[in-house]
Amino acid sequence: MAASSNRIMLGPLVAAIDQGTSSTRFLVFNAKTAELLSHHQVEIKQSFPKEGWVEEDPKEILQSVYECMDRTCEKLTQLNIDISNIKAIGVTNQRETTLVWDKETGEPLYNNE
């Protein structure tokens, strides 16, 4: 019997990337019941260069999103849930945060001190 035939068919799934100031999470829900099926969370390092400022590494933020998505999908696969049923992904992110990427190099521009 093929492995794919053992997968649980739940219908459409929806996911959310929740990228906040202290962590990133990826969550996957059953679209019909809103049941949380799986998630993963990664903490983000912060630095405080002066009062009222918080800085984070843009590459670490991006990597945390990839890691959360990968780990959550691995967990779903272990539960025999077909990840191809993820039909939509919503994004929540830090509100008063700006990241600027160099369009030529693809590298982030940020305080290197």
PDB file of N, CA and C in Angstrom:
ATOM      1  N   MET A   1       0.846  -1.177   0.000  1.00  0.00           N
ATOM      2  CA  MET A   1       0.000   0.000   0.000  1.00  0.00           C
ATOM      3  C   MET A   1       0.888   1.236   0.000  1.00  0.00           C
ATOM      4  N   ALA A   2       0.607   2.201  -0.831  1.00  0.00           N
ATOM      5  CA  ALA A   2       1.404   3.422  -0.925  1.00  0.00           C
ATOM      6  C   ALA A   2       1.222   4.261   0.332  1.00  0.00           C
ATOM      7  N   ALA A   3       2.300   4.960   0.714  1.00  0.00           N
ATOM      8  CA  ALA A   3       2.255   5.793   1.917  1.00  0.00           C
ATOM      9  C   ALA A   3       1.188   6.873   1.809  1.00  0.00           C
ATOM     10  N   SER A   4       0.993   7.414   0.624  1.00  0.00           N
ATOM     11  CA  SER A   4       0.028   8.498   0.466  1.00  0.00           C
ATOM     12  C   SER A   4      -1.399   8.032   0.749  1.00  0.00           C
ATOM     13  N   SER A   5      -1.696   6.735   0.573  1.00  0.00           N
ATOM     14  CA  SER A   5      -3.041   6.245   0.828  1.00  0.00           C
ATOM     15  C   SER A   5      -3.335   6.167   2.323  1.00  0.00           C
ATOM     16  N   ASN A   6      -2.312   6.251   3.162  1.00  0.00           N
ATOM     17  CA  ASN A   6      -2.494   6.223   4.606  1.00  0.00           C
ATOM     18  C   ASN A   6      -2.751   7.619   5.175  1.00  0.00           C
ATOM     19  N   ARG A   7      -2.677   8.638   4.362  1.00  0.00           N
ATOM     20  CA  ARG A   7      -2.835  10.003   4.837  1.00  0.00           C
ATOM     21  C   ARG A   7      -4.271  10.274   5.259  1.00  0.00           C
ATOM     22  N   ILE A   8      -4.390  11.054   6.302  1.00  0.00           N
ATOM     23  CA  ILE A   8      -5.703  11.450   6.798  1.00  0.00           C
ATOM     24  C   ILE A   8      -6.223  12.584   5.919  1.00  0.00           C
ATOM     25  N   MET A   9      -7.436  12.431   5.424  1.00  0.00           N
ATOM     26  CA  MET A   9      -8.025  13.459   4.576  1.00  0.00           C
ATOM     27  C   MET A   9      -8.944  14.327   5.436  1.00  0.00           C
ATOM     28  N   LEU A  10      -8.506  15.536   5.736  1.00  0.00           N
ATOM     29  CA  LEU A  10      -9.264  16.445   6.576  1.00  0.00           C
ATOM     30  C   LEU A  10      -9.950  17.538   5.773  1.00  0.00           C
ATOM     31  N   GLY A  11      -9.756  17.550   4.492  1.00  0.00           N
ATOM     32  CA  GLY A  11     -10.264  18.658   3.688  1.00  0.00           C
ATOM     33  C   GLY A  11      -9.260  19.795   3.730  1.00  0.00           C
ATOM     34  N   PRO A  12      -9.697  20.986   3.381  1.00  0.00           N
ATOM     35  CA  PRO A  12      -8.753  22.106   3.298  1.00  0.00           C
ATOM     36  C   PRO A  12      -8.198  22.494   4.673  1.00  0.00           C
ATOM     37  N   LEU A  13      -6.937  22.894   4.647  1.00  0.00           N
ATOM     38  CA  LEU A  13      -6.252  23.381   5.838  1.00  0.00           C
ATOM     39  C   LEU A  13      -5.873  24.836   5.606  1.00  0.00           C
ATOM     40  N   VAL A  14      -5.808  25.608   6.666  1.00  0.00           N
ATOM     41  CA  VAL A  14      -5.321  26.980   6.586  1.00  0.00           C
ATOM     42  C   VAL A  14      -4.186  27.122   7.592  1.00  0.00           C
ATOM     43  N   ALA A  15      -3.257  28.007   7.275  1.00  0.00           N
ATOM     44  CA  ALA A  15      -2.082  28.180   8.125  1.00  0.00           C
ATOM     45  C   ALA A  15      -1.880  29.658   8.419  1.00  0.00           C
ATOM     46  N   ALA A  16      -1.069  29.908   9.437  1.00  0.00           N
ATOM     47  CA  ALA A  16      -0.744  31.283   9.800  1.00  0.00           C
ATOM     48  C   ALA A  16       0.732  31.367  10.168  1.00  0.00           C
ATOM     49  N   ILE A  17       1.384  32.393   9.644  1.00  0.00           N
ATOM     50  CA  ILE A  17       2.726  32.765  10.084  1.00  0.00           C
ATOM     51  C   ILE A  17       2.518  33.916  11.061  1.00  0.00           C
ATOM     52  N   ASP A  18       2.941  33.718  12.295  1.00  0.00           N
ATOM     53  CA  ASP A  18       2.831  34.754  13.324  1.00  0.00           C
ATOM     54  C   ASP A  18       4.246  35.175  13.679  1.00  0.00           C
ATOM     55  N   GLN A  19       4.704  36.266  13.085  1.00  0.00           N
ATOM     56  CA  GLN A  19       6.072  36.736  13.306  1.00  0.00           C
ATOM     57  C   GLN A  19       6.018  37.949  14.230  1.00  0.00           C
ATOM     58  N   GLY A  20       6.364  37.738  15.496  1.00  0.00           N
ATOM     59  CA  GLY A  20       6.306  38.791  16.495  1.00  0.00           C
ATOM     60  C   GLY A  20       7.691  39.241  16.932  1.00  0.00           C
ATOM     61  N   THR A  21       7.719  40.144  17.902  1.00  0.00           N
ATOM     62  CA  THR A  21       9.009  40.694  18.343  1.00  0.00           C
ATOM     63  C   THR A  21       9.851  39.700  19.117  1.00  0.00           C
ATOM     64  N   SER A  22       9.229  38.713  19.748  1.00  0.00           N
ATOM     65  CA  SER A  22      10.021  37.778  20.546  1.00  0.00           C
ATOM     66  C   SER A  22      10.093  36.377  19.949  1.00  0.00           C
ATOM     67  N   SER A  23       9.207  36.064  18.992  1.00  0.00           N
ATOM     68  CA  SER A  23       9.236  34.723  18.412  1.00  0.00           C
ATOM     69  C   SER A  23       8.485  34.690  17.088  1.00  0.00           C
ATOM     70  N   THR A  24       8.684  33.594  16.391  1.00  0.00           N
ATOM     71  CA  THR A  24       7.950  33.284  15.165  1.00  0.00           C
ATOM     72  C   THR A  24       7.213  31.983  15.404  1.00  0.00           C
ATOM     73  N   ARG A  25       5.976  31.905  14.910  1.00  0.00           N
ATOM     74  CA  ARG A  25       5.200  30.667  14.983  1.00  0.00           C
ATOM     75  C   ARG A  25       4.574  30.393  13.623  1.00  0.00           C
ATOM     76  N   PHE A  26       4.412  29.111  13.325  1.00  0.00           N
ATOM     77  CA  PHE A  26       3.641  28.681  12.161  1.00  0.00           C
ATOM     78  C   PHE A  26       2.602  27.711  12.685  1.00  0.00           C
ATOM     79  N   LEU A  27       1.344  27.959  12.365  1.00  0.00           N
ATOM     80  CA  LEU A  27       0.234  27.163  12.877  1.00  0.00           C
ATOM     81  C   LEU A  27      -0.618  26.682  11.716  1.00  0.00           C
ATOM     82  N   VAL A  28      -1.098  25.447  11.802  1.00  0.00           N
ATOM     83  CA  VAL A  28      -1.963  24.890  10.758  1.00  0.00           C
ATOM     84  C   VAL A  28      -3.262  24.421  11.403  1.00  0.00           C
ATOM     85  N   PHE A  29      -4.382  24.855  10.792  1.00  0.00           N
ATOM     86  CA  PHE A  29      -5.715  24.577  11.308  1.00  0.00           C
ATOM     87  C   PHE A  29      -6.551  23.822  10.281  1.00  0.00           C
ATOM     88  N   ASN A  30      -7.497  23.042  10.774  1.00  0.00           N
ATOM     89  CA  ASN A  30      -8.528  22.470   9.926  1.00  0.00           C
ATOM     90  C   ASN A  30      -9.455  23.620   9.556  1.00  0.00           C
ATOM     91  N   ALA A  31      -9.641  23.875   8.279  1.00  0.00           N
ATOM     92  CA  ALA A  31     -10.427  25.028   7.821  1.00  0.00           C
ATOM     93  C   ALA A  31     -11.903  24.926   8.214  1.00  0.00           C
ATOM     94  N   LYS A  32     -12.416  23.717   8.355  1.00  0.00           N
ATOM     95  CA  LYS A  32     -13.836  23.560   8.661  1.00  0.00           C
ATOM     96  C   LYS A  32     -14.134  23.637  10.153  1.00  0.00           C
ATOM     97  N   THR A  33     -13.205  23.166  10.992  1.00  0.00           N
ATOM     98  CA  THR A  33     -13.470  23.099  12.434  1.00  0.00           C
ATOM     99  C   THR A  33     -12.646  24.094  13.241  1.00  0.00           C
ATOM    100  N   ALA A  34     -11.651  24.716  12.627  1.00  0.00           N
ATOM    101  CA  ALA A  34     -10.713  25.635  13.295  1.00  0.00           C
ATOM    102  C   ALA A  34      -9.832  24.918  14.324  1.00  0.00           C
ATOM    103  N   GLU A  35      -9.806  23.594  14.277  1.00  0.00           N
ATOM    104  CA  GLU A  35      -8.943  22.824  15.188  1.00  0.00           C
ATOM    105  C   GLU A  35      -7.483  23.047  14.820  1.00  0.00           C
ATOM    106  N   LEU A  36      -6.671  23.368  15.816  1.00  0.00           N
ATOM    107  CA  LEU A  36      -5.234  23.492  15.612  1.00  0.00           C
ATOM    108  C   LEU A  36      -4.663  22.094  15.465  1.00  0.00           C
ATOM    109  N   LEU A  37      -4.047  21.829  14.321  1.00  0.00           N
ATOM    110  CA  LEU A  37      -3.521  20.492  14.038  1.00  0.00           C
ATOM    111  C   LEU A  37      -2.048  20.364  14.400  1.00  0.00           C
ATOM    112  N   SER A  38      -1.292  21.446  14.195  1.00  0.00           N
ATOM    113  CA  SER A  38       0.127  21.406  14.506  1.00  0.00           C
ATOM    114  C   SER A  38       0.676  22.825  14.487  1.00  0.00           C
ATOM    115  N   HIS A  39       1.789  23.006  15.194  1.00  0.00           N
ATOM    116  CA  HIS A  39       2.470  24.301  15.174  1.00  0.00           C
ATOM    117  C   HIS A  39       3.910  24.123  15.626  1.00  0.00           C
ATOM    118  N   HIS A  40       4.691  25.156  15.380  1.00  0.00           N
ATOM    119  CA  HIS A  40       6.077  25.196  15.861  1.00  0.00           C
ATOM    120  C   HIS A  40       6.419  26.650  16.140  1.00  0.00           C
ATOM    121  N   GLN A  41       7.251  26.869  17.159  1.00  0.00           N
ATOM    122  CA  GLN A  41       7.621  28.221  17.563  1.00  0.00           C
ATOM    123  C   GLN A  41       9.131  28.301  17.760  1.00  0.00           C
ATOM    124  N   VAL A  42       9.717  29.435  17.333  1.00  0.00           N
ATOM    125  CA  VAL A  42      11.148  29.690  17.487  1.00  0.00           C
ATOM    126  C   VAL A  42      11.316  31.074  18.105  1.00  0.00           C
ATOM    127  N   GLU A  43      12.118  31.162  19.150  1.00  0.00           N
ATOM    128  CA  GLU A  43      12.411  32.452  19.780  1.00  0.00           C
ATOM    129  C   GLU A  43      13.366  33.260  18.896  1.00  0.00           C
ATOM    130  N   ILE A  44      13.251  34.590  18.973  1.00  0.00           N
ATOM    131  CA  ILE A  44      14.087  35.517  18.207  1.00  0.00           C
ATOM    132  C   ILE A  44      14.975  36.281  19.183  1.00  0.00           C
ATOM    133  N   LYS A  45      16.271  36.389  18.859  1.00  0.00           N
ATOM    134  CA  LYS A  45      17.194  37.169  19.692  1.00  0.00           C
ATOM    135  C   LYS A  45      16.949  38.661  19.463  1.00  0.00           C
ATOM    136  N   GLN A  46      17.045  39.410  20.529  1.00  0.00           N
ATOM    137  CA  GLN A  46      16.859  40.854  20.441  1.00  0.00           C
ATOM    138  C   GLN A  46      18.073  41.558  21.038  1.00  0.00           C
ATOM    139  N   SER A  47      18.374  42.737  20.510  1.00  0.00           N
ATOM    140  CA  SER A  47      19.381  43.601  21.127  1.00  0.00           C
ATOM    141  C   SER A  47      18.743  44.963  21.335  1.00  0.00           C
ATOM    142  N   PHE A  48      19.275  45.700  22.293  1.00  0.00           N
ATOM    143  CA  PHE A  48      18.710  46.990  22.680  1.00  0.00           C
ATOM    144  C   PHE A  48      19.823  48.037  22.620  1.00  0.00           C
ATOM    145  N   PRO A  49      20.097  48.579  21.418  1.00  0.00           N
ATOM    146  CA  PRO A  49      21.233  49.494  21.239  1.00  0.00           C
ATOM    147  C   PRO A  49      21.091  50.815  21.991  1.00  0.00           C
ATOM    148  N   LYS A  50      19.866  51.265  22.214  1.00  0.00           N
ATOM    149  CA  LYS A  50      19.621  52.453  23.037  1.00  0.00           C
ATOM    150  C   LYS A  50      18.200  52.388  23.572  1.00  0.00           C
ATOM    151  N   GLU A  51      17.913  53.216  24.550  1.00  0.00           N
ATOM    152  CA  GLU A  51      16.607  53.183  25.191  1.00  0.00           C
ATOM    153  C   GLU A  51      15.486  53.364  24.168  1.00  0.00           C
ATOM    154  N   GLY A  52      14.513  52.446  24.238  1.00  0.00           N
ATOM    155  CA  GLY A  52      13.366  52.515  23.343  1.00  0.00           C
ATOM    156  C   GLY A  52      13.580  51.842  21.992  1.00  0.00           C
ATOM    157  N   TRP A  53      14.789  51.337  21.729  1.00  0.00           N
ATOM    158  CA  TRP A  53      15.084  50.671  20.456  1.00  0.00           C
ATOM    159  C   TRP A  53      15.238  49.168  20.688  1.00  0.00           C
ATOM    160  N   VAL A  54      14.745  48.410  19.724  1.00  0.00           N
ATOM    161  CA  VAL A  54      14.958  46.969  19.715  1.00  0.00           C
ATOM    162  C   VAL A  54      15.429  46.610  18.317  1.00  0.00           C
ATOM    163  N   GLU A  55      16.504  45.838  18.229  1.00  0.00           N
ATOM    164  CA  GLU A  55      16.990  45.395  16.921  1.00  0.00           C
ATOM    165  C   GLU A  55      17.032  43.877  16.880  1.00  0.00           C
ATOM    166  N   GLU A  56      16.759  43.345  15.693  1.00  0.00           N
ATOM    167  CA  GLU A  56      16.831  41.908  15.436  1.00  0.00           C
ATOM    168  C   GLU A  56      17.526  41.699  14.106  1.00  0.00           C
ATOM    169  N   ASP A  57      18.077  40.537  13.921  1.00  0.00           N
ATOM    170  CA  ASP A  57      18.772  40.190  12.689  1.00  0.00           C
ATOM    171  C   ASP A  57      17.737  39.772  11.639  1.00  0.00           C
ATOM    172  N   PRO A  58      17.614  40.516  10.527  1.00  0.00           N
ATOM    173  CA  PRO A  58      16.631  40.164   9.493  1.00  0.00           C
ATOM    174  C   PRO A  58      16.792  38.736   8.971  1.00  0.00           C
ATOM    175  N   LYS A  59      18.028  38.276   8.843  1.00  0.00           N
ATOM    176  CA  LYS A  59      18.241  36.907   8.356  1.00  0.00           C
ATOM    177  C   LYS A  59      17.732  35.879   9.363  1.00  0.00           C
ATOM    178  N   GLU A  60      17.892  36.179  10.654  1.00  0.00           N
ATOM    179  CA  GLU A  60      17.383  35.274  11.689  1.00  0.00           C
ATOM    180  C   GLU A  60      15.857  35.222  11.647  1.00  0.00           C
ATOM    181  N   ILE A  61      15.222  36.378  11.430  1.00  0.00           N
ATOM    182  CA  ILE A  61      13.761  36.407  11.327  1.00  0.00           C
ATOM    183  C   ILE A  61      13.304  35.529  10.162  1.00  0.00           C
ATOM    184  N   LEU A  62      13.896  35.736   8.995  1.00  0.00           N
ATOM    185  CA  LEU A  62      13.513  34.955   7.816  1.00  0.00           C
ATOM    186  C   LEU A  62      13.769  33.459   8.040  1.00  0.00           C
ATOM    187  N   GLN A  63      14.924  33.130   8.607  1.00  0.00           N
ATOM    188  CA  GLN A  63      15.250  31.725   8.863  1.00  0.00           C
ATOM    189  C   GLN A  63      14.265  31.104   9.850  1.00  0.00           C
ATOM    190  N   SER A  64      13.818  31.898  10.839  1.00  0.00           N
ATOM    191  CA  SER A  64      12.872  31.363  11.820  1.00  0.00           C
ATOM    192  C   SER A  64      11.531  31.015  11.161  1.00  0.00           C
ATOM    193  N   VAL A  65      11.129  31.804  10.163  1.00  0.00           N
ATOM    194  CA  VAL A  65       9.894  31.504   9.436  1.00  0.00           C
ATOM    195  C   VAL A  65      10.050  30.177   8.691  1.00  0.00           C
ATOM    196  N   TYR A  66      11.163  30.023   7.984  1.00  0.00           N
ATOM    197  CA  TYR A  66      11.405  28.767   7.252  1.00  0.00           C
ATOM    198  C   TYR A  66      11.434  27.574   8.206  1.00  0.00           C
ATOM    199  N   GLU A  67      12.135  27.733   9.332  1.00  0.00           N
ATOM    200  CA  GLU A  67      12.242  26.630  10.296  1.00  0.00           C
ATOM    201  C   GLU A  67      10.877  26.249  10.850  1.00  0.00           C
ATOM    202  N   CYS A  68      10.075  27.239  11.220  1.00  0.00           N
ATOM    203  CA  CYS A  68       8.752  26.950  11.762  1.00  0.00           C
ATOM    204  C   CYS A  68       7.873  26.233  10.743  1.00  0.00           C
ATOM    205  N   MET A  69       7.922  26.683   9.497  1.00  0.00           N
ATOM    206  CA  MET A  69       7.121  26.042   8.458  1.00  0.00           C
ATOM    207  C   MET A  69       7.590  24.602   8.236  1.00  0.00           C
ATOM    208  N   ASP A  70       8.902  24.408   8.150  1.00  0.00           N
ATOM    209  CA  ASP A  70       9.447  23.059   7.934  1.00  0.00           C
ATOM    210  C   ASP A  70       9.066  22.110   9.066  1.00  0.00           C
ATOM    211  N   ARG A  71       9.278  22.541  10.310  1.00  0.00           N
ATOM    212  CA  ARG A  71       9.010  21.674  11.467  1.00  0.00           C
ATOM    213  C   ARG A  71       7.523  21.346  11.586  1.00  0.00           C
ATOM    214  N   THR A  72       6.674  22.344  11.340  1.00  0.00           N
ATOM    215  CA  THR A  72       5.236  22.093  11.417  1.00  0.00           C
ATOM    216  C   THR A  72       4.810  21.095  10.357  1.00  0.00           C
ATOM    217  N   CYS A  73       5.321  21.261   9.150  1.00  0.00           N
ATOM    218  CA  CYS A  73       4.973  20.319   8.073  1.00  0.00           C
ATOM    219  C   CYS A  73       5.504  18.921   8.360  1.00  0.00           C
ATOM    220  N   GLU A  74       6.683  18.828   8.977  1.00  0.00           N
ATOM    221  CA  GLU A  74       7.206  17.517   9.386  1.00  0.00           C
ATOM    222  C   GLU A  74       6.266  16.856  10.399  1.00  0.00           C
ATOM    223  N   LYS A  75       5.795  17.643  11.365  1.00  0.00           N
ATOM    224  CA  LYS A  75       4.874  17.105  12.373  1.00  0.00           C
ATOM    225  C   LYS A  75       3.578  16.631  11.735  1.00  0.00           C
ATOM    226  N   LEU A  76       3.047  17.414  10.794  1.00  0.00           N
ATOM    227  CA  LEU A  76       1.823  17.010  10.099  1.00  0.00           C
ATOM    228  C   LEU A  76       2.030  15.715   9.325  1.00  0.00           C
ATOM    229  N   THR A  77       3.168  15.617   8.657  1.00  0.00           N
ATOM    230  CA  THR A  77       3.479  14.402   7.900  1.00  0.00           C
ATOM    231  C   THR A  77       3.563  13.195   8.829  1.00  0.00           C
ATOM    232  N   GLN A  78       4.165  13.384  10.005  1.00  0.00           N
ATOM    233  CA  GLN A  78       4.243  12.291  10.988  1.00  0.00           C
ATOM    234  C   GLN A  78       2.852  11.866  11.462  1.00  0.00           C
ATOM    235  N   LEU A  79       1.908  12.805  11.451  1.00  0.00           N
ATOM    236  CA  LEU A  79       0.518  12.504  11.812  1.00  0.00           C
ATOM    237  C   LEU A  79      -0.282  11.984  10.619  1.00  0.00           C
ATOM    238  N   ASN A  80       0.402  11.771   9.491  1.00  0.00           N
ATOM    239  CA  ASN A  80      -0.228  11.320   8.240  1.00  0.00           C
ATOM    240  C   ASN A  80      -1.248  12.316   7.699  1.00  0.00           C
ATOM    241  N   ILE A  81      -1.007  13.600   7.938  1.00  0.00           N
ATOM    242  CA  ILE A  81      -1.863  14.647   7.396  1.00  0.00           C
ATOM    243  C   ILE A  81      -1.203  15.206   6.144  1.00  0.00           C
ATOM    244  N   ASP A  82      -1.945  15.249   5.071  1.00  0.00           N
ATOM    245  CA  ASP A  82      -1.430  15.672   3.774  1.00  0.00           C
ATOM    246  C   ASP A  82      -1.246  17.192   3.734  1.00  0.00           C
ATOM    247  N   ILE A  83       0.009  17.647   3.700  1.00  0.00           N
ATOM    248  CA  ILE A  83       0.291  19.086   3.728  1.00  0.00           C
ATOM    249  C   ILE A  83      -0.101  19.785   2.430  1.00  0.00           C
ATOM    250  N   SER A  84      -0.341  19.026   1.376  1.00  0.00           N
ATOM    251  CA  SER A  84      -0.787  19.665   0.134  1.00  0.00           C
ATOM    252  C   SER A  84      -2.196  20.227   0.275  1.00  0.00           C
ATOM    253  N   ASN A  85      -2.871  19.907   1.375  1.00  0.00           N
ATOM    254  CA  ASN A  85      -4.208  20.455   1.627  1.00  0.00           C
ATOM    255  C   ASN A  85      -4.162  21.837   2.269  1.00  0.00           C
ATOM    256  N   ILE A  86      -2.957  22.366   2.540  1.00  0.00           N
ATOM    257  CA  ILE A  86      -2.860  23.743   3.014  1.00  0.00           C
ATOM    258  C   ILE A  86      -3.205  24.637   1.829  1.00  0.00           C
ATOM    259  N   LYS A  87      -4.328  25.325   1.920  1.00  0.00           N
ATOM    260  CA  LYS A  87      -4.846  26.108   0.800  1.00  0.00           C
ATOM    261  C   LYS A  87      -4.627  27.604   0.943  1.00  0.00           C
ATOM    262  N   ALA A  88      -4.328  28.062   2.155  1.00  0.00           N
ATOM    263  CA  ALA A  88      -4.117  29.493   2.375  1.00  0.00           C
ATOM    264  C   ALA A  88      -3.196  29.681   3.574  1.00  0.00           C
ATOM    265  N   ILE A  89      -2.401  30.752   3.517  1.00  0.00           N
ATOM    266  CA  ILE A  89      -1.522  31.110   4.635  1.00  0.00           C
ATOM    267  C   ILE A  89      -1.712  32.594   4.918  1.00  0.00           C
ATOM    268  N   GLY A  90      -2.071  32.895   6.141  1.00  0.00           N
ATOM    269  CA  GLY A  90      -2.179  34.285   6.583  1.00  0.00           C
ATOM    270  C   GLY A  90      -0.892  34.681   7.284  1.00  0.00           C
ATOM    271  N   VAL A  91      -0.654  35.981   7.346  1.00  0.00           N
ATOM    272  CA  VAL A  91       0.573  36.484   7.976  1.00  0.00           C
ATOM    273  C   VAL A  91       0.225  37.579   8.973  1.00  0.00           C
ATOM    274  N   THR A  92       0.741  37.441  10.178  1.00  0.00           N
ATOM    275  CA  THR A  92       0.734  38.545  11.137  1.00  0.00           C
ATOM    276  C   THR A  92       2.192  38.877  11.397  1.00  0.00           C
ATOM    277  N   ASN A  93       2.483  40.163  11.533  1.00  0.00           N
ATOM    278  CA  ASN A  93       3.890  40.536  11.711  1.00  0.00           C
ATOM    279  C   ASN A  93       4.019  41.705  12.672  1.00  0.00           C
ATOM    280  N   GLN A  94       5.264  42.009  13.001  1.00  0.00           N
ATOM    281  CA  GLN A  94       5.562  43.132  13.883  1.00  0.00           C
ATOM    282  C   GLN A  94       5.053  44.412  13.231  1.00  0.00           C
ATOM    283  N   ARG A  95       4.382  45.229  13.997  1.00  0.00           N
ATOM    284  CA  ARG A  95       3.769  46.416  13.406  1.00  0.00           C
ATOM    285  C   ARG A  95       4.780  47.521  13.121  1.00  0.00           C
ATOM    286  N   GLU A  96       5.491  47.980  14.082  1.00  0.00           N
ATOM    287  CA  GLU A  96       6.354  49.145  13.893  1.00  0.00           C
ATOM    288  C   GLU A  96       7.787  48.732  13.597  1.00  0.00           C
ATOM    289  N   THR A  97       7.939  47.859  12.634  1.00  0.00           N
ATOM    290  CA  THR A  97       9.245  47.318  12.281  1.00  0.00           C
ATOM    291  C   THR A  97       9.484  47.525  10.799  1.00  0.00           C
ATOM    292  N   THR A  98      10.712  47.875  10.465  1.00  0.00           N
ATOM    293  CA  THR A  98      11.072  48.057   9.062  1.00  0.00           C
ATOM    294  C   THR A  98      12.292  47.207   8.742  1.00  0.00           C
ATOM    295  N   LEU A  99      12.211  46.455   7.662  1.00  0.00           N
ATOM    296  CA  LEU A  99      13.361  45.729   7.121  1.00  0.00           C
ATOM    297  C   LEU A  99      13.577  46.236   5.706  1.00  0.00           C
ATOM    298  N   VAL A 100      14.822  46.505   5.386  1.00  0.00           N
ATOM    299  CA  VAL A 100      15.159  46.965   4.043  1.00  0.00           C
ATOM    300  C   VAL A 100      16.187  45.998   3.480  1.00  0.00           C
ATOM    301  N   TRP A 101      15.913  45.495   2.274  1.00  0.00           N
ATOM    302  CA  TRP A 101      16.787  44.530   1.616  1.00  0.00           C
ATOM    303  C   TRP A 101      17.380  45.192   0.377  1.00  0.00           C
ATOM    304  N   ASP A 102      18.651  44.968   0.124  1.00  0.00           N
ATOM    305  CA  ASP A 102      19.312  45.477  -1.076  1.00  0.00           C
ATOM    306  C   ASP A 102      18.783  44.713  -2.282  1.00  0.00           C
ATOM    307  N   LYS A 103      18.203  45.405  -3.248  1.00  0.00           N
ATOM    308  CA  LYS A 103      17.591  44.727  -4.391  1.00  0.00           C
ATOM    309  C   LYS A 103      18.621  44.055  -5.294  1.00  0.00           C
ATOM    310  N   GLU A 104      19.871  44.481  -5.246  1.00  0.00           N
ATOM    311  CA  GLU A 104      20.912  43.874  -6.093  1.00  0.00           C
ATOM    312  C   GLU A 104      21.525  42.630  -5.444  1.00  0.00           C
ATOM    313  N   THR A 105      21.803  42.717  -4.131  1.00  0.00           N
ATOM    314  CA  THR A 105      22.498  41.615  -3.452  1.00  0.00           C
ATOM    315  C   THR A 105      21.545  40.688  -2.716  1.00  0.00           C
ATOM    316  N   GLY A 106      20.343  41.183  -2.418  1.00  0.00           N
ATOM    317  CA  GLY A 106      19.410  40.392  -1.627  1.00  0.00           C
ATOM    318  C   GLY A 106      19.755  40.379  -0.145  1.00  0.00           C
ATOM    319  N   GLU A 107      20.761  41.143   0.245  1.00  0.00           N
ATOM    320  CA  GLU A 107      21.184  41.190   1.635  1.00  0.00           C
ATOM    321  C   GLU A 107      20.414  42.279   2.382  1.00  0.00           C
ATOM    322  N   PRO A 108      20.145  42.050   3.671  1.00  0.00           N
ATOM    323  CA  PRO A 108      19.452  43.080   4.446  1.00  0.00           C
ATOM    324  C   PRO A 108      20.382  44.241   4.759  1.00  0.00           C
ATOM    325  N   LEU A 109      19.807  45.426   4.838  1.00  0.00           N
ATOM    326  CA  LEU A 109      20.537  46.614   5.246  1.00  0.00           C
ATOM    327  C   LEU A 109      20.095  46.933   6.674  1.00  0.00           C
ATOM    328  N   TYR A 110      21.035  46.901   7.596  1.00  0.00           N
ATOM    329  CA  TYR A 110      20.697  47.166   8.979  1.00  0.00           C
ATOM    330  C   TYR A 110      21.941  47.582   9.735  1.00  0.00           C
ATOM    331  N   ASN A 111      21.777  48.000  10.970  1.00  0.00           N
ATOM    332  CA  ASN A 111      22.876  48.451  11.809  1.00  0.00           C
ATOM    333  C   ASN A 111      23.856  47.302  12.054  1.00  0.00           C
ATOM    334  N   ASN A 112      25.077  47.440  11.563  1.00  0.00           N
ATOM    335  CA  ASN A 112      26.092  46.387  11.708  1.00  0.00           C
ATOM    336  C   ASN A 112      27.007  46.609  12.901  1.00  0.00           C
ATOM    337  N   GLU A 113      26.698  47.579  13.744  1.00  0.00           N
ATOM    338  CA  GLU A 113      27.585  47.861  14.861  1.00  0.00           C
ATOM    339  C   GLU A 113      27.548  46.790  15.903  1.00  0.00           C
TER     340      GLU A 113
END
